[in-house]
N, C-alpha and C. Protein backbone atom coordinates (compact mmCIF):
# COMPACT_ATOMS: atom_id res chain seq x y z
N MET A 1 0.86 -1.17 0.00
CA MET A 1 0.00 0.00 0.00
C MET A 1 0.90 1.22 0.00
N SER A 2 0.50 2.26 -0.72
CA SER A 2 1.30 3.47 -0.81
C SER A 2 1.17 4.32 0.45
N ILE A 3 1.97 5.37 0.52
CA ILE A 3 1.90 6.29 1.67
C ILE A 3 0.54 6.97 1.72
N ILE A 4 0.04 7.38 0.56
CA ILE A 4 -1.27 8.02 0.50
C ILE A 4 -2.35 7.03 0.96
N GLY A 5 -2.23 5.79 0.54
CA GLY A 5 -3.18 4.77 0.98
C GLY A 5 -3.14 4.58 2.48
N GLY A 6 -1.95 4.59 3.06
CA GLY A 6 -1.81 4.48 4.51
C GLY A 6 -2.45 5.64 5.24
N LEU A 7 -2.26 6.87 4.71
CA LEU A 7 -2.88 8.03 5.33
C LEU A 7 -4.40 7.98 5.23
N ARG A 8 -4.90 7.56 4.10
CA ARG A 8 -6.36 7.43 3.95
C ARG A 8 -6.92 6.40 4.90
N THR A 9 -6.18 5.33 5.12
CA THR A 9 -6.61 4.31 6.06
C THR A 9 -6.69 4.89 7.47
N LEU A 10 -5.72 5.70 7.84
CA LEU A 10 -5.71 6.32 9.16
C LEU A 10 -6.86 7.32 9.34
N PHE A 11 -7.13 8.10 8.31
CA PHE A 11 -8.12 9.17 8.43
C PHE A 11 -9.47 8.82 7.80
N GLY A 12 -9.63 7.61 7.33
CA GLY A 12 -10.90 7.20 6.73
C GLY A 12 -10.94 7.45 5.24
N GLY A 13 -11.90 6.85 4.59
CA GLY A 13 -12.05 7.03 3.15
C GLY A 13 -11.59 5.80 2.39
N ARG A 14 -12.06 5.71 1.16
CA ARG A 14 -11.70 4.57 0.31
C ARG A 14 -10.34 4.79 -0.32
N VAL A 15 -9.63 3.72 -0.48
CA VAL A 15 -8.37 3.75 -1.22
C VAL A 15 -8.72 3.18 -2.59
N GLY A 16 -8.83 4.06 -3.58
CA GLY A 16 -9.33 3.69 -4.90
C GLY A 16 -8.68 2.48 -5.52
N ILE A 17 -7.37 2.46 -5.61
CA ILE A 17 -6.68 1.35 -6.28
C ILE A 17 -6.87 0.06 -5.50
N PHE A 18 -6.76 0.13 -4.18
CA PHE A 18 -6.92 -1.07 -3.35
C PHE A 18 -8.36 -1.59 -3.42
N SER A 19 -9.34 -0.67 -3.38
CA SER A 19 -10.75 -1.07 -3.49
C SER A 19 -11.02 -1.74 -4.82
N ASP A 20 -10.49 -1.17 -5.89
CA ASP A 20 -10.67 -1.74 -7.23
C ASP A 20 -10.03 -3.13 -7.32
N LEU A 21 -8.86 -3.29 -6.71
CA LEU A 21 -8.18 -4.57 -6.72
C LEU A 21 -8.99 -5.63 -5.96
N CYS A 22 -9.54 -5.24 -4.81
CA CYS A 22 -10.36 -6.17 -4.02
C CYS A 22 -11.62 -6.57 -4.78
N GLU A 23 -12.27 -5.62 -5.43
CA GLU A 23 -13.47 -5.92 -6.20
C GLU A 23 -13.15 -6.84 -7.37
N SER A 24 -12.02 -6.61 -8.01
CA SER A 24 -11.59 -7.45 -9.12
C SER A 24 -11.32 -8.88 -8.64
N ALA A 25 -10.68 -9.02 -7.49
CA ALA A 25 -10.40 -10.35 -6.92
C ALA A 25 -11.70 -11.05 -6.55
N ARG A 26 -12.67 -10.31 -6.01
CA ARG A 26 -13.96 -10.87 -5.65
C ARG A 26 -14.69 -11.39 -6.89
N GLU A 27 -14.71 -10.60 -7.94
CA GLU A 27 -15.38 -11.00 -9.18
C GLU A 27 -14.69 -12.21 -9.80
N GLU A 28 -13.36 -12.22 -9.79
CA GLU A 28 -12.62 -13.35 -10.36
C GLU A 28 -12.90 -14.64 -9.58
N SER A 29 -12.95 -14.55 -8.26
CA SER A 29 -13.23 -15.76 -7.46
C SER A 29 -14.65 -16.24 -7.70
N PHE A 30 -15.61 -15.32 -7.89
CA PHE A 30 -17.00 -15.69 -8.17
C PHE A 30 -17.10 -16.41 -9.51
N GLN A 31 -16.46 -15.86 -10.54
CA GLN A 31 -16.49 -16.48 -11.86
C GLN A 31 -15.82 -17.85 -11.85
N LEU A 32 -14.75 -18.00 -11.09
CA LEU A 32 -14.08 -19.29 -10.97
C LEU A 32 -15.00 -20.32 -10.31
N MET A 33 -15.73 -19.91 -9.27
CA MET A 33 -16.68 -20.80 -8.62
C MET A 33 -17.76 -21.24 -9.61
N LEU A 34 -18.30 -20.29 -10.40
CA LEU A 34 -19.32 -20.64 -11.39
C LEU A 34 -18.78 -21.61 -12.43
N SER A 35 -17.54 -21.41 -12.85
CA SER A 35 -16.91 -22.30 -13.82
C SER A 35 -16.80 -23.72 -13.27
N HIS A 36 -16.40 -23.84 -12.01
CA HIS A 36 -16.30 -25.16 -11.39
C HIS A 36 -17.67 -25.81 -11.29
N ALA A 37 -18.68 -25.04 -10.95
CA ALA A 37 -20.04 -25.58 -10.83
C ALA A 37 -20.54 -26.09 -12.19
N ARG A 38 -20.30 -25.32 -13.25
CA ARG A 38 -20.72 -25.74 -14.59
C ARG A 38 -20.04 -27.04 -15.01
N ARG A 39 -18.76 -27.16 -14.69
CA ARG A 39 -18.03 -28.40 -15.04
C ARG A 39 -18.60 -29.60 -14.31
N MET A 40 -19.22 -29.38 -13.15
CA MET A 40 -19.84 -30.46 -12.39
C MET A 40 -21.26 -30.75 -12.88
N GLY A 41 -21.76 -29.97 -13.85
CA GLY A 41 -23.10 -30.18 -14.38
C GLY A 41 -24.18 -29.36 -13.70
N ALA A 42 -23.80 -28.44 -12.83
CA ALA A 42 -24.77 -27.61 -12.13
C ALA A 42 -25.22 -26.45 -13.01
N ASN A 43 -26.42 -25.94 -12.72
CA ASN A 43 -26.88 -24.75 -13.42
C ASN A 43 -27.19 -23.61 -12.44
N ALA A 44 -26.84 -23.82 -11.17
CA ALA A 44 -27.01 -22.78 -10.15
C ALA A 44 -26.08 -23.07 -8.97
N VAL A 45 -25.84 -22.05 -8.17
CA VAL A 45 -25.05 -22.20 -6.94
C VAL A 45 -25.84 -21.52 -5.83
N VAL A 46 -26.03 -22.22 -4.73
CA VAL A 46 -26.76 -21.65 -3.58
C VAL A 46 -25.83 -21.54 -2.39
N GLY A 47 -26.21 -20.69 -1.45
CA GLY A 47 -25.41 -20.52 -0.23
C GLY A 47 -24.04 -19.94 -0.50
N VAL A 48 -23.96 -18.99 -1.42
CA VAL A 48 -22.66 -18.42 -1.80
C VAL A 48 -22.10 -17.58 -0.64
N ARG A 49 -20.83 -17.79 -0.37
CA ARG A 49 -20.13 -17.08 0.70
C ARG A 49 -18.76 -16.63 0.20
N TYR A 50 -18.28 -15.58 0.79
CA TYR A 50 -16.93 -15.08 0.50
C TYR A 50 -16.10 -15.17 1.77
N ASP A 51 -14.83 -15.40 1.60
CA ASP A 51 -13.90 -15.41 2.72
C ASP A 51 -12.62 -14.74 2.25
N THR A 52 -11.99 -14.00 3.11
CA THR A 52 -10.74 -13.34 2.76
C THR A 52 -9.68 -13.69 3.79
N GLY A 53 -8.46 -13.61 3.36
CA GLY A 53 -7.34 -13.87 4.26
C GLY A 53 -6.12 -13.12 3.79
N PRO A 54 -5.29 -12.71 4.73
CA PRO A 54 -4.09 -11.96 4.35
C PRO A 54 -3.02 -12.88 3.76
N MET A 55 -2.31 -12.35 2.83
CA MET A 55 -1.13 -13.02 2.26
C MET A 55 -0.03 -11.97 2.25
N VAL A 56 1.18 -12.38 2.10
CA VAL A 56 2.30 -11.43 2.08
C VAL A 56 2.18 -10.55 0.84
N GLY A 57 1.93 -9.26 1.05
CA GLY A 57 1.84 -8.31 -0.04
C GLY A 57 0.57 -8.39 -0.85
N ALA A 58 -0.43 -9.15 -0.41
CA ALA A 58 -1.67 -9.29 -1.17
C ALA A 58 -2.79 -9.72 -0.24
N ALA A 59 -3.95 -9.96 -0.83
CA ALA A 59 -5.08 -10.47 -0.07
C ALA A 59 -5.66 -11.66 -0.83
N GLU A 60 -6.08 -12.67 -0.11
CA GLU A 60 -6.67 -13.86 -0.70
C GLU A 60 -8.18 -13.74 -0.61
N VAL A 61 -8.90 -14.03 -1.70
CA VAL A 61 -10.35 -14.00 -1.71
C VAL A 61 -10.85 -15.36 -2.15
N LEU A 62 -11.69 -15.97 -1.33
CA LEU A 62 -12.30 -17.26 -1.65
C LEU A 62 -13.80 -17.07 -1.81
N CYS A 63 -14.38 -17.76 -2.78
CA CYS A 63 -15.82 -17.73 -2.99
C CYS A 63 -16.27 -19.18 -3.09
N TYR A 64 -17.28 -19.55 -2.31
CA TYR A 64 -17.72 -20.94 -2.33
C TYR A 64 -19.22 -21.01 -2.10
N GLY A 65 -19.80 -22.12 -2.53
CA GLY A 65 -21.22 -22.36 -2.37
C GLY A 65 -21.51 -23.80 -2.73
N THR A 66 -22.78 -24.14 -2.81
CA THR A 66 -23.20 -25.50 -3.15
C THR A 66 -23.74 -25.50 -4.57
N ALA A 67 -23.10 -26.29 -5.43
CA ALA A 67 -23.53 -26.41 -6.83
C ALA A 67 -24.77 -27.30 -6.88
N VAL A 68 -25.81 -26.84 -7.58
CA VAL A 68 -27.06 -27.60 -7.68
C VAL A 68 -27.59 -27.58 -9.11
N VAL A 69 -28.51 -28.48 -9.37
CA VAL A 69 -29.23 -28.48 -10.64
C VAL A 69 -30.67 -28.08 -10.32
N VAL A 70 -31.10 -26.97 -10.89
CA VAL A 70 -32.45 -26.47 -10.67
C VAL A 70 -33.29 -26.86 -11.87
N GLU A 71 -34.44 -27.46 -11.60
CA GLU A 71 -35.36 -27.86 -12.66
C GLU A 71 -36.67 -27.13 -12.47
N PRO A 72 -37.29 -26.67 -13.57
CA PRO A 72 -38.58 -26.00 -13.44
C PRO A 72 -39.67 -27.00 -13.05
N LEU A 73 -40.67 -26.52 -12.30
CA LEU A 73 -41.81 -27.36 -11.98
C LEU A 73 -42.64 -27.57 -13.23
N GLN A 74 -43.15 -28.75 -13.42
CA GLN A 74 -44.01 -29.04 -14.56
C GLN A 74 -45.40 -28.50 -14.27
N ALA A 75 -46.03 -27.85 -15.25
CA ALA A 75 -47.33 -27.21 -15.07
C ALA A 75 -48.42 -28.23 -14.74
N HIS A 76 -48.38 -29.40 -15.36
CA HIS A 76 -49.44 -30.38 -15.17
C HIS A 76 -48.94 -31.66 -14.51
N ALA A 77 -47.86 -31.57 -13.77
CA ALA A 77 -47.31 -32.76 -13.11
C ALA A 77 -48.19 -33.12 -11.92
N PRO A 78 -48.30 -34.41 -11.59
CA PRO A 78 -49.08 -34.80 -10.42
C PRO A 78 -48.48 -34.17 -9.16
N THR A 79 -49.34 -33.80 -8.23
CA THR A 79 -48.89 -33.17 -7.00
C THR A 79 -48.31 -34.22 -6.06
N ASP A 80 -47.12 -33.95 -5.62
CA ASP A 80 -46.45 -34.80 -4.65
C ASP A 80 -46.14 -33.91 -3.46
N GLU A 81 -46.76 -34.19 -2.31
CA GLU A 81 -46.65 -33.30 -1.17
C GLU A 81 -45.21 -33.07 -0.71
N ARG A 82 -44.31 -33.98 -1.03
CA ARG A 82 -42.92 -33.79 -0.64
C ARG A 82 -42.28 -32.62 -1.39
N HIS A 83 -42.84 -32.24 -2.53
CA HIS A 83 -42.24 -31.19 -3.38
C HIS A 83 -43.07 -29.93 -3.42
N VAL A 84 -44.13 -29.82 -2.65
CA VAL A 84 -45.00 -28.65 -2.67
C VAL A 84 -44.75 -27.82 -1.43
N ALA A 85 -44.50 -26.54 -1.64
CA ALA A 85 -44.24 -25.66 -0.49
C ALA A 85 -45.54 -25.37 0.23
N SER A 86 -45.45 -25.22 1.54
CA SER A 86 -46.61 -24.89 2.36
C SER A 86 -47.03 -23.46 2.08
N PRO A 87 -48.35 -23.16 2.11
CA PRO A 87 -48.82 -21.77 1.85
C PRO A 87 -48.45 -20.84 2.97
């Protein structure tokens, strides 16, 4: 982090370059998670969470969730109470 970044940290405010880097890392980890889910045959991910950790001179961003296959309900399918949500 630069001297200006350190001063901004002390006195408050966003550090533009660092914020942009963190957002970029977050987006990259999200896209990587989606790629892994697609390779497993999933078409959705639920329970998505982010985790961060310090590394020497950088920050680590992890994104994880549960890969699932979501299927639309059939309009005229027989009603099975195990699959019907309560009102």
